Structure formats: structure tokens, C-alpha cells
Protein backbone atom coordinates (compact mmCIF):
# COMPACT_ATOMS: atom_id res chain seq x y z
CA UNK A 1 15.07 3.07 2.48
CA UNK A 2 14.02 2.33 6.19
CA UNK A 3 12.53 3.91 8.92
CA UNK A 4 13.05 4.05 12.78
CA UNK A 5 9.60 3.54 13.98
CA UNK A 6 10.41 5.39 17.13
CA UNK A 7 10.55 8.41 14.87
CA UNK A 8 6.75 8.21 14.06
CA UNK A 9 5.79 8.00 17.78
CA UNK A 10 6.51 11.38 18.88
CA UNK A 11 3.25 12.14 16.05
CA UNK A 12 1.48 9.14 17.06
CA UNK A 13 -2.46 9.61 17.55
CA UNK A 14 -4.53 6.98 19.65
CA UNK A 15 -8.18 6.45 18.67
CA UNK A 16 -10.23 9.03 20.86
CA UNK A 17 -7.36 11.50 19.59
CA UNK A 18 -8.47 14.54 17.77
CA UNK A 19 -6.47 16.13 14.66
CA UNK A 20 -7.71 19.05 12.35
CA UNK A 21 -8.16 18.72 8.79
CA UNK A 22 -10.79 19.15 6.24
CA UNK A 23 -9.81 18.91 2.18
CA UNK A 24 -10.58 22.19 0.56
CA UNK A 25 -9.85 20.38 -2.71
CA UNK A 26 -6.32 22.24 -3.91
CA UNK A 27 -4.70 19.24 -5.11
CA UNK A 28 -1.63 19.68 -3.21
CA UNK A 29 -1.62 16.21 -1.65
CA UNK A 30 -2.29 14.63 -5.06
CA UNK A 31 1.61 16.23 -6.26
CA UNK A 32 4.48 13.96 -4.64
CA UNK A 33 7.45 11.92 -6.33
CA UNK A 34 6.27 8.29 -4.46
CA UNK A 35 2.98 7.13 -3.86
CA UNK A 36 3.14 3.51 -2.92
CA UNK A 37 0.58 0.84 -3.83
CA UNK A 38 -0.39 -2.47 -2.13
CA UNK A 39 -1.61 -4.91 -3.98
CA UNK A 40 -5.44 -4.73 -2.74
CA UNK A 41 -4.73 -1.14 -3.75
CA UNK A 42 -3.94 -1.98 -7.45
CA UNK A 43 -7.19 -4.64 -7.68
CA UNK A 44 -9.44 -2.13 -6.70
CA UNK A 45 -8.23 0.49 -8.97
CA UNK A 46 -8.28 -2.15 -11.75
CA UNK A 47 -11.83 -3.09 -10.56
CA UNK A 48 -13.06 0.43 -10.49
CA UNK A 49 -11.69 1.00 -13.95
CA UNK A 50 -12.68 -2.16 -15.50
CA UNK A 51 -9.00 -3.12 -16.37
CA UNK A 52 -6.47 -5.83 -15.37
CA UNK A 53 -4.10 -4.99 -12.54
CA UNK A 54 -1.38 -5.30 -15.37
CA UNK A 55 -2.82 -2.91 -17.39
CA UNK A 56 -3.38 -0.53 -14.15
CA UNK A 57 0.65 -0.96 -13.37
CA UNK A 58 2.17 -0.81 -17.55
CA UNK A 59 0.15 2.41 -17.85
CA UNK A 60 0.10 4.29 -14.51
CA UNK A 61 2.69 3.51 -12.13
CA UNK A 62 6.64 2.13 -11.90
CA UNK A 63 8.13 -0.76 -10.28
CA UNK A 64 11.55 -0.31 -8.02
CA UNK A 65 12.95 -3.28 -5.81
CA UNK A 66 13.27 -1.91 -2.01
CA UNK A 67 16.88 -1.38 -0.72
CA UNK A 68 16.43 -3.20 2.77
CA UNK A 69 13.28 -5.84 1.70
CA UNK A 70 14.90 -6.59 -1.66
CA UNK A 71 11.07 -6.57 -3.00
CA UNK A 72 9.03 -5.63 -5.93
CA UNK A 73 7.65 -2.12 -4.85
CA UNK A 74 5.04 -0.47 -6.99
CA UNK A 75 4.82 3.17 -6.94
CA UNK A 76 2.27 5.80 -9.00
CA UNK A 77 4.19 7.12 -11.91
CA UNK A 78 3.91 10.88 -11.30
CA UNK A 79 3.34 13.51 -14.45
CA UNK A 80 6.51 15.06 -15.92
CA UNK A 81 6.30 18.59 -15.32
CA UNK A 82 4.16 19.11 -12.37
CA UNK A 83 4.86 15.88 -10.62
CA UNK A 84 1.13 15.08 -10.24
CA UNK A 85 -0.64 12.06 -9.84
CA UNK A 86 -1.54 10.55 -13.08
CA UNK A 87 -5.16 9.67 -11.80
CA UNK A 88 -5.72 13.68 -10.90
CA UNK A 89 -7.77 15.36 -14.15
CA UNK A 90 -8.62 18.50 -14.11
CA UNK A 91 -8.47 18.97 -10.29
CA UNK A 92 -10.34 15.38 -9.51
CA UNK A 93 -9.41 12.17 -8.68
CA UNK A 94 -11.04 9.74 -11.31
CA UNK A 95 -10.37 6.67 -8.62
CA UNK A 96 -12.06 8.97 -5.68
CA UNK A 97 -14.14 5.88 -5.17
CA UNK A 98 -11.39 3.43 -4.77
CA UNK A 99 -8.67 5.85 -3.37
CA UNK A 100 -4.92 3.97 -2.90
CA UNK A 101 -4.83 3.55 0.78
CA UNK A 102 -1.95 5.84 1.68
CA UNK A 103 -4.52 8.64 0.03
CA UNK A 104 -7.41 7.89 1.66
CA UNK A 105 -5.54 8.38 5.03
CA UNK A 106 -4.35 11.89 4.04
CA UNK A 107 -3.22 14.00 6.51
CA UNK A 108 -2.58 10.70 8.62
CA UNK A 109 -0.01 8.46 8.12
CA UNK A 110 0.63 4.74 9.35
CA UNK A 111 3.21 2.03 9.96
CA UNK A 112 2.84 -1.61 10.83
CA UNK A 113 5.06 -2.14 14.04
CA UNK A 114 6.23 -5.79 13.95
CA UNK A 115 6.51 -5.33 17.77
CA UNK A 116 3.11 -5.66 18.52
CA UNK A 117 1.88 -6.62 15.11
CA UNK A 118 -0.52 -3.71 14.65
CA UNK A 119 -0.35 -0.50 12.77
CA UNK A 120 0.59 3.04 14.40
CA UNK A 121 -0.86 6.23 12.94
CA UNK A 122 0.89 9.25 13.35
CA UNK A 123 -0.03 12.71 11.96
CA UNK A 124 2.26 14.57 9.46
CA UNK A 125 2.72 17.94 8.64
CA UNK A 126 0.57 19.38 6.16
CA UNK A 127 0.45 22.92 4.49
CA UNK A 128 -3.18 22.61 3.28
CA UNK A 129 -6.82 22.10 4.15
CA UNK A 130 -9.09 23.81 6.55
CA UNK A 131 -9.49 23.36 10.30
CA UNK A 132 -12.23 20.64 10.86
CA UNK A 133 -11.84 18.41 13.51
CA UNK A 134 -12.26 14.90 13.81
CA UNK A 135 -10.97 11.72 15.91
CA UNK A 136 -8.53 9.10 14.74
CA UNK A 137 -11.38 6.78 14.95
CA UNK A 138 -13.80 8.66 12.97
CA UNK A 139 -11.67 9.01 10.18
CA UNK A 140 -10.69 5.44 10.16
CA UNK A 141 -14.39 4.64 9.82
CA UNK A 142 -15.37 7.23 7.21
CA UNK A 143 -12.55 5.36 5.08
CA UNK A 144 -13.97 1.90 5.97
CA UNK A 145 -10.72 1.11 7.00
CA UNK A 146 -11.52 -2.63 8.23
CA UNK A 147 -12.60 -3.56 5.23
CA UNK A 148 -9.26 -2.44 3.49
CA UNK A 149 -7.22 -3.89 6.48
CA UNK A 150 -9.44 -7.22 6.33
CA UNK A 151 -8.37 -7.65 2.44
CA UNK A 152 -4.83 -6.48 3.20
CA UNK A 153 -3.25 -8.06 6.06
CA UNK A 154 -2.41 -11.65 4.61
CA UNK A 155 -0.76 -9.87 2.05
CA UNK A 156 1.10 -7.44 4.18
CA UNK A 157 2.19 -9.90 6.88
CA UNK A 158 3.66 -12.12 3.49
CA UNK A 159 5.60 -9.04 2.71
CA UNK A 160 7.02 -9.18 5.86
CA UNK A 161 8.33 -12.94 5.99
CA UNK A 162 9.10 -12.24 2.43
CA UNK A 163 11.73 -10.12 3.54
CA UNK A 164 13.19 -12.32 5.85
CA UNK A 165 13.44 -14.93 3.07
CA UNK A 166 15.14 -12.48 0.56
CA UNK A 167 17.61 -11.86 2.88
CA UNK A 168 18.73 -15.48 2.53
CA UNK A 169 19.22 -15.41 -1.20
CA UNK A 170 22.82 -14.57 -2.32
CA UNK A 171 22.82 -15.20 -5.92
CA UNK A 172 21.86 -12.52 -8.32
CA UNK A 173 20.47 -14.60 -10.81
CA UNK A 174 18.21 -16.80 -8.41
CA UNK A 175 17.19 -13.03 -7.13
CA UNK A 176 16.25 -12.11 -10.12
CA UNK A 177 13.67 -14.90 -10.63
CA UNK A 178 12.35 -14.80 -7.43
CA UNK A 179 11.77 -11.27 -7.42
CA UNK A 180 9.41 -11.94 -10.60
CA UNK A 181 7.28 -14.65 -9.16
CA UNK A 182 6.86 -12.39 -6.21
CA UNK A 183 5.70 -9.57 -8.30
CA UNK A 184 3.54 -12.12 -10.34
CA UNK A 185 1.96 -13.34 -7.07
CA UNK A 186 1.38 -9.88 -5.21
CA UNK A 187 0.29 -7.81 -8.28
CA UNK A 188 -0.84 -9.09 -11.17
CA UNK A 189 -2.19 -12.72 -11.05
CA UNK A 190 -6.16 -11.29 -10.54
CA UNK A 191 -8.99 -11.73 -11.78
CA UNK A 192 -10.68 -8.87 -11.23
CA UNK A 193 -14.12 -10.38 -11.93
CA UNK A 194 -13.40 -12.81 -8.67
CA UNK A 195 -13.14 -11.95 -4.82
CA UNK A 196 -9.71 -10.01 -4.05
CA UNK A 197 -9.52 -12.04 -0.78
CA UNK A 198 -9.58 -15.53 -2.33
CA UNK A 199 -7.39 -14.86 -5.11
CA UNK A 200 -4.66 -13.54 -2.55
CA UNK A 201 -4.67 -16.25 -0.35
CA UNK A 202 -4.28 -18.73 -3.62
CA UNK A 203 -1.07 -16.84 -5.35
CA UNK A 204 0.70 -16.89 -1.91
CA UNK A 205 -0.17 -20.74 -1.24
CA UNK A 206 1.32 -21.12 -4.56
CA UNK A 207 4.35 -19.00 -3.82
CA UNK A 208 5.02 -21.46 -0.82
CA UNK A 209 5.68 -24.47 -3.18
CA UNK A 210 7.29 -22.28 -5.90
CA UNK A 211 9.86 -21.23 -3.08
CA UNK A 212 9.93 -24.25 -0.69
CA UNK A 213 12.12 -22.12 1.92
CA UNK A 214 9.46 -19.45 2.37
CA UNK A 215 7.02 -20.42 4.85
CA UNK A 216 4.60 -17.94 6.21
CA UNK A 217 3.54 -17.73 9.88
CA UNK A 218 0.30 -19.61 10.52
CA UNK A 219 -0.26 -17.74 13.80
CA UNK A 220 -0.78 -14.22 12.04
CA UNK A 221 -4.16 -13.39 10.53
């Protein structure tokens, strides 16, 4: 699925701008069809639950190929029946200390604007919560977005470069092999007893060796 970033600019929110929301624990935001995870999201959940990233994906997620990017995408598999998140138990999030970024941001959303190489935050229409007031800056500080971004930027930048690379592959069999290699590098080849940042850098460097025509932009952080 593709998006026009200009559509989100209508609801864009600036750092010192206020919005109203306070979680009342209703769990409505934990019932959705798609909840996409980043590599760092999966690593944090795996570390928190003392499992491998492969176990987290196999037990709780489904994977598909992006229509435009041609890259593997991992999303939490909703429960059959009520469409609730698999990490929601008795109305509580069992990974509350390692929430996926998209959950921590709620009721805000964000997109990466490649025109300025930074995230754009926007307000989403929600039908839950109370009228507590926050600025965007306060909200991001509360969820420790600085750490999340510092860990996720190399991974996210690689996605942009990989999406360009994938457009050059026309043979179906080669595409299948490359997708598998990317999936391993982005999501699976991690040891939770070691730091994430060093491992994602190693995985991406190895991916560059395996895919000679894929080169990351050295000017991006």
C-alpha cells in the first residue's frame, strides 16, 4: 500500500503544538488488522520476553511482501474472532515495557519524509481516551523516542535504499532469494544477549556483500 505524504500534512503536528488524549485502558487501539513492526520492535519484544526474534515472529506475526517496496513486512497477527493483538491479555499489554513504536506513539502517527530526511508526526482520528493535554515534544520524551530513533535510523535508511534496489530485480526466482536474505538480515539474525545497534550494522554490511549492487547511502546516519 502506498501513501501520499501530502495527505498527512493536513494533520501534521509541530513539537510545541498541543493535542488532547489520555489512555483510559479501554483497549480499542489493541484491535486492528495491521500493526507493522520494525526490526527494533521485534528485538525489544524478544529481549523482554527472553525469546529469539524468530520465535516472536513465528508465534505472533505474519509476513507479507510490500506491493510497492517488494520488501518483507512483519505485522502482528490479530486473534481470530475479536481482532485483538496477541500481546493483549485480560485487557493488559504483556509487553508494555517494550511496546512497538506505533503503539507508543498512539494516538499520533508518523511517516518518514524523504524530502527532508526526517519524521513527520500527525494526529489521527480516535474515538477513545480522555482530554489530557500534551505537546508533541512531551509525548515523544515520555516514550523515549530519541533512543528508539537512534536504534532504528540505520535500519530505516536501509529500507529506503533496499526498496530502490528491489525495483531493479525482474526475475521471480532471484526476487525470492533476495527477499529471503533481506528478511534474515532485517528481522532474524539477532542475539538478544548482545546490543541491537552493532548487530543491525553487521547484518546490513553482510547484506551489501551478498547483494553487490546494493549500497547504502553513507551520508545518512
